[in-house]
PDB file of N, CA and C in Angstrom:
ATOM      1  N   UNK A   1       9.224  56.963-138.907  1.00  0.00           N
ATOM      2  CA  UNK A   1       8.972  56.492-140.060  1.00  0.00           C
ATOM      3  C   UNK A   1       7.705  55.387-140.159  1.00  0.00           C
ATOM      4  N   UNK A   2       6.792  55.580-140.940  1.00  0.00           N
ATOM      5  CA  UNK A   2       5.748  54.530-140.918  1.00  0.00           C
ATOM      6  C   UNK A   2       5.897  53.562-142.029  1.00  0.00           C
ATOM      7  N   UNK A   3       5.342  52.355-141.581  1.00  0.00           N
ATOM      8  CA  UNK A   3       5.519  51.265-142.702  1.00  0.00           C
ATOM      9  C   UNK A   3       4.661  51.415-143.941  1.00  0.00           C
ATOM     10  N   UNK A   4       5.076  50.921-144.946  1.00  0.00           N
ATOM     11  CA  UNK A   4       3.911  50.875-145.919  1.00  0.00           C
ATOM     12  C   UNK A   4       3.071  50.050-145.875  1.00  0.00           C
ATOM     13  N   UNK A   5       1.830  50.102-146.163  1.00  0.00           N
ATOM     14  CA  UNK A   5       0.811  49.178-145.963  1.00  0.00           C
ATOM     15  C   UNK A   5       0.694  48.330-147.382  1.00  0.00           C
ATOM     16  N   UNK A   6       0.190  47.103-147.030  1.00  0.00           N
ATOM     17  CA  UNK A   6      -0.192  46.212-148.184  1.00  0.00           C
ATOM     18  C   UNK A   6      -1.375  46.369-148.795  1.00  0.00           C
ATOM     19  N   UNK A   7      -1.317  46.142-150.250  1.00  0.00           N
ATOM     20  CA  UNK A   7      -2.656  46.498-150.929  1.00  0.00           C
ATOM     21  C   UNK A   7      -3.256  45.187-150.906  1.00  0.00           C
ATOM     22  N   UNK A   8      -4.597  45.180-151.418  1.00  0.00           N
ATOM     23  CA  UNK A   8      -5.407  43.978-151.253  1.00  0.00           C
ATOM     24  C   UNK A   8      -4.844  42.665-152.010  1.00  0.00           C
ATOM     25  N   UNK A   9      -4.165  42.940-153.265  1.00  0.00           N
ATOM     26  CA  UNK A   9      -3.236  42.039-154.090  1.00  0.00           C
ATOM     27  C   UNK A   9      -2.229  41.202-153.298  1.00  0.00           C
ATOM     28  N   UNK A  10      -1.325  42.142-152.613  1.00  0.00           N
ATOM     29  CA  UNK A  10      -0.326  41.900-151.933  1.00  0.00           C
ATOM     30  C   UNK A  10      -0.928  40.971-150.764  1.00  0.00           C
ATOM     31  N   UNK A  11      -1.784  41.179-150.045  1.00  0.00           N
ATOM     32  CA  UNK A  11      -2.396  40.716-148.889  1.00  0.00           C
ATOM     33  C   UNK A  11      -3.109  39.251-149.523  1.00  0.00           C
ATOM     34  N   UNK A  12      -3.517  39.273-150.489  1.00  0.00           N
ATOM     35  CA  UNK A  12      -4.170  37.749-151.006  1.00  0.00           C
ATOM     36  C   UNK A  12      -2.921  37.020-151.401  1.00  0.00           C
ATOM     37  N   UNK A  13      -1.982  37.462-152.014  1.00  0.00           N
ATOM     38  CA  UNK A  13      -0.814  36.730-152.417  1.00  0.00           C
ATOM     39  C   UNK A  13       0.059  36.216-151.008  1.00  0.00           C
ATOM     40  N   UNK A  14       0.132  37.049-150.179  1.00  0.00           N
ATOM     41  CA  UNK A  14       0.622  36.555-148.912  1.00  0.00           C
ATOM     42  C   UNK A  14      -0.406  35.488-148.178  1.00  0.00           C
ATOM     43  N   UNK A  15      -1.713  35.685-148.380  1.00  0.00           N
ATOM     44  CA  UNK A  15      -2.532  34.518-147.927  1.00  0.00           C
ATOM     45  C   UNK A  15      -2.393  33.303-148.685  1.00  0.00           C
ATOM     46  N   UNK A  16      -2.221  33.450-149.808  1.00  0.00           N
ATOM     47  CA  UNK A  16      -1.859  32.072-150.799  1.00  0.00           C
ATOM     48  C   UNK A  16      -0.609  31.511-150.240  1.00  0.00           C
ATOM     49  N   UNK A  17       0.378  32.363-150.145  1.00  0.00           N
ATOM     50  CA  UNK A  17       1.908  31.847-149.638  1.00  0.00           C
ATOM     51  C   UNK A  17       1.458  30.945-148.083  1.00  0.00           C
ATOM     52  N   UNK A  18       1.080  31.657-147.288  1.00  0.00           N
ATOM     53  CA  UNK A  18       0.797  31.150-146.159  1.00  0.00           C
ATOM     54  C   UNK A  18      -0.040  29.782-146.194  1.00  0.00           C
ATOM     55  N   UNK A  19      -0.987  29.638-146.837  1.00  0.00           N
ATOM     56  CA  UNK A  19      -1.782  28.588-147.061  1.00  0.00           C
ATOM     57  C   UNK A  19      -0.965  27.484-147.777  1.00  0.00           C
ATOM     58  N   UNK A  20      -0.191  27.789-148.678  1.00  0.00           N
ATOM     59  CA  UNK A  20       0.737  26.612-149.384  1.00  0.00           C
ATOM     60  C   UNK A  20       1.842  26.287-148.355  1.00  0.00           C
ATOM     61  N   UNK A  21       2.446  27.236-147.520  1.00  0.00           N
ATOM     62  CA  UNK A  21       3.471  26.991-146.551  1.00  0.00           C
ATOM     63  C   UNK A  21       2.683  25.831-145.701  1.00  0.00           C
ATOM     64  N   UNK A  22       1.488  26.030-145.257  1.00  0.00           N
ATOM     65  CA  UNK A  22       0.826  25.214-144.280  1.00  0.00           C
ATOM     66  C   UNK A  22       0.597  23.837-144.880  1.00  0.00           C
ATOM     67  N   UNK A  23       0.234  23.769-146.323  1.00  0.00           N
ATOM     68  CA  UNK A  23       0.064  22.374-146.963  1.00  0.00           C
ATOM     69  C   UNK A  23       1.297  21.660-146.950  1.00  0.00           C
ATOM     70  N   UNK A  24       2.525  22.356-147.143  1.00  0.00           N
ATOM     71  CA  UNK A  24       3.779  21.660-147.210  1.00  0.00           C
ATOM     72  C   UNK A  24       4.160  21.223-146.014  1.00  0.00           C
ATOM     73  N   UNK A  25       3.832  21.910-144.672  1.00  0.00           N
ATOM     74  CA  UNK A  25       4.172  21.562-143.399  1.00  0.00           C
ATOM     75  C   UNK A  25       3.350  20.240-143.209  1.00  0.00           C
ATOM     76  N   UNK A  26       2.021  20.399-143.451  1.00  0.00           N
ATOM     77  CA  UNK A  26       1.330  19.070-143.112  1.00  0.00           C
ATOM     78  C   UNK A  26       1.858  17.568-144.003  1.00  0.00           C
ATOM     79  N   UNK A  27       2.234  18.071-145.324  1.00  0.00           N
ATOM     80  CA  UNK A  27       2.722  16.707-146.089  1.00  0.00           C
ATOM     81  C   UNK A  27       4.094  16.389-145.452  1.00  0.00           C
ATOM     82  N   UNK A  28       4.903  17.460-145.051  1.00  0.00           N
ATOM     83  CA  UNK A  28       6.107  16.995-144.426  1.00  0.00           C
ATOM     84  C   UNK A  28       5.822  16.185-143.229  1.00  0.00           C
ATOM     85  N   UNK A  29       4.881  16.405-142.610  1.00  0.00           N
ATOM     86  CA  UNK A  29       4.609  15.864-141.129  1.00  0.00           C
ATOM     87  C   UNK A  29       3.952  14.354-141.532  1.00  0.00           C
ATOM     88  N   UNK A  30       3.312  14.269-142.400  1.00  0.00           N
ATOM     89  CA  UNK A  30       2.546  13.013-143.059  1.00  0.00           C
ATOM     90  C   UNK A  30       3.761  12.129-143.407  1.00  0.00           C
ATOM     91  N   UNK A  31       4.699  12.731-144.313  1.00  0.00           N
ATOM     92  CA  UNK A  31       5.851  11.866-144.775  1.00  0.00           C
ATOM     93  C   UNK A  31       6.736  11.289-143.584  1.00  0.00           C
ATOM     94  N   UNK A  32       6.992  12.335-142.593  1.00  0.00           N
ATOM     95  CA  UNK A  32       7.712  12.113-141.310  1.00  0.00           C
ATOM     96  C   UNK A  32       6.993  10.755-140.712  1.00  0.00           C
ATOM     97  N   UNK A  33       5.825  10.857-140.304  1.00  0.00           N
ATOM     98  CA  UNK A  33       5.261   9.774-139.765  1.00  0.00           C
ATOM     99  C   UNK A  33       5.254   8.609-140.600  1.00  0.00           C
ATOM    100  N   UNK A  34       5.017   8.582-141.677  1.00  0.00           N
ATOM    101  CA  UNK A  34       5.189   7.299-142.520  1.00  0.00           C
ATOM    102  C   UNK A  34       6.560   6.698-142.422  1.00  0.00           C
ATOM    103  N   UNK A  35       7.608   7.639-142.610  1.00  0.00           N
ATOM    104  CA  UNK A  35       8.843   7.264-142.668  1.00  0.00           C
ATOM    105  C   UNK A  35       9.393   6.649-141.359  1.00  0.00           C
ATOM    106  N   UNK A  36       8.751   6.964-140.187  1.00  0.00           N
ATOM    107  CA  UNK A  36       9.012   6.329-138.816  1.00  0.00           C
ATOM    108  C   UNK A  36       8.394   5.246-138.680  1.00  0.00           C
ATOM    109  N   UNK A  37       7.284   4.938-139.328  1.00  0.00           N
ATOM    110  CA  UNK A  37       6.413   3.631-139.267  1.00  0.00           C
ATOM    111  C   UNK A  37       7.377   2.471-140.122  1.00  0.00           C
ATOM    112  N   UNK A  38       7.950   2.901-141.256  1.00  0.00           N
ATOM    113  CA  UNK A  38       8.740   2.247-142.129  1.00  0.00           C
ATOM    114  C   UNK A  38       9.960   1.836-141.409  1.00  0.00           C
ATOM    115  N   UNK A  39      10.502   2.649-140.921  1.00  0.00           N
ATOM    116  CA  UNK A  39      11.842   2.652-140.089  1.00  0.00           C
ATOM    117  C   UNK A  39      11.718   1.576-138.860  1.00  0.00           C
ATOM    118  N   UNK A  40      10.488   1.633-138.126  1.00  0.00           N
ATOM    119  CA  UNK A  40      10.139   0.641-136.953  1.00  0.00           C
ATOM    120  C   UNK A  40       9.882  -0.589-137.642  1.00  0.00           C
ATOM    121  N   UNK A  41       9.283  -0.735-138.710  1.00  0.00           N
ATOM    122  CA  UNK A  41       9.119  -2.181-139.379  1.00  0.00           C
ATOM    123  C   UNK A  41      10.364  -2.624-139.802  1.00  0.00           C
ATOM    124  N   UNK A  42      11.290  -1.923-140.628  1.00  0.00           N
ATOM    125  CA  UNK A  42      12.573  -2.671-140.761  1.00  0.00           C
ATOM    126  C   UNK A  42      13.349  -2.859-139.502  1.00  0.00           C
ATOM    127  N   UNK A  43      13.355  -1.919-138.545  1.00  0.00           N
ATOM    128  CA  UNK A  43      14.142  -2.309-137.103  1.00  0.00           C
ATOM    129  C   UNK A  43      13.779  -3.584-136.476  1.00  0.00           C
ATOM    130  N   UNK A  44      12.248  -3.864-136.651  1.00  0.00           N
ATOM    131  CA  UNK A  44      11.645  -5.113-136.006  1.00  0.00           C
ATOM    132  C   UNK A  44      12.154  -6.256-136.807  1.00  0.00           C
ATOM    133  N   UNK A  45      12.012  -6.181-138.042  1.00  0.00           N
ATOM    134  CA  UNK A  45      12.539  -7.244-139.029  1.00  0.00           C
ATOM    135  C   UNK A  45      13.998  -7.646-138.717  1.00  0.00           C
ATOM    136  N   UNK A  46      14.914  -6.536-138.621  1.00  0.00           N
ATOM    137  CA  UNK A  46      16.350  -6.910-138.251  1.00  0.00           C
ATOM    138  C   UNK A  46      16.401  -7.365-136.875  1.00  0.00           C
ATOM    139  N   UNK A  47      15.628  -7.187-135.885  1.00  0.00           N
ATOM    140  CA  UNK A  47      15.778  -7.633-134.544  1.00  0.00           C
ATOM    141  C   UNK A  47      15.288  -9.325-134.598  1.00  0.00           C
ATOM    142  N   UNK A  48      14.273  -9.347-135.528  1.00  0.00           N
ATOM    143  CA  UNK A  48      13.858 -10.623-135.519  1.00  0.00           C
ATOM    144  C   UNK A  48      14.812 -11.773-136.198  1.00  0.00           C
ATOM    145  N   UNK A  49      15.608 -11.109-137.113  1.00  0.00           N
ATOM    146  CA  UNK A  49      16.410 -12.038-137.825  1.00  0.00           C
ATOM    147  C   UNK A  49      17.611 -12.190-136.865  1.00  0.00           C
ATOM    148  N   UNK A  50      18.000 -11.332-136.145  1.00  0.00           N
ATOM    149  CA  UNK A  50      18.953 -11.644-135.138  1.00  0.00           C
ATOM    150  C   UNK A  50      18.643 -12.538-134.253  1.00  0.00           C
ATOM    151  N   UNK A  51      17.487 -12.507-133.662  1.00  0.00           N
ATOM    152  CA  UNK A  51      17.011 -13.523-132.667  1.00  0.00           C
ATOM    153  C   UNK A  51      16.757 -14.839-133.300  1.00  0.00           C
ATOM    154  N   UNK A  52      16.544 -14.801-134.567  1.00  0.00           N
ATOM    155  CA  UNK A  52      16.493 -16.310-135.237  1.00  0.00           C
ATOM    156  C   UNK A  52      17.948 -16.624-135.193  1.00  0.00           C
ATOM    157  N   UNK A  53      18.847 -15.920-135.837  1.00  0.00           N
ATOM    158  CA  UNK A  53      20.265 -16.521-135.860  1.00  0.00           C
ATOM    159  C   UNK A  53      20.954 -16.932-134.559  1.00  0.00           C
ATOM    160  N   UNK A  54      20.435 -16.445-133.644  1.00  0.00           N
ATOM    161  CA  UNK A  54      21.249 -16.594-132.123  1.00  0.00           C
ATOM    162  C   UNK A  54      20.486 -17.814-131.726  1.00  0.00           C
ATOM    163  N   UNK A  55      19.126 -18.238-131.995  1.00  0.00           N
ATOM    164  CA  UNK A  55      18.482 -19.605-131.579  1.00  0.00           C
ATOM    165  C   UNK A  55      19.026 -20.849-132.333  1.00  0.00           C
ATOM    166  N   UNK A  56      19.632 -20.458-133.613  1.00  0.00           N
ATOM    167  CA  UNK A  56      20.209 -21.548-134.514  1.00  0.00           C
ATOM    168  C   UNK A  56      21.527 -22.209-133.955  1.00  0.00           C
TER     169      UNK A  56
END
């Protein structure tokens, strides 16, 4: 049994979907990196507050 081949329109639509998926993947990566930076910032603040409380 042979596989049905895709026509030009289907190939173009698949290409669009692939490009969209790549864009989404990049945005998720950017948001993840930004989220990590924010988490580290708050972690440092919490550690600084604990250190200040211990020194009092």
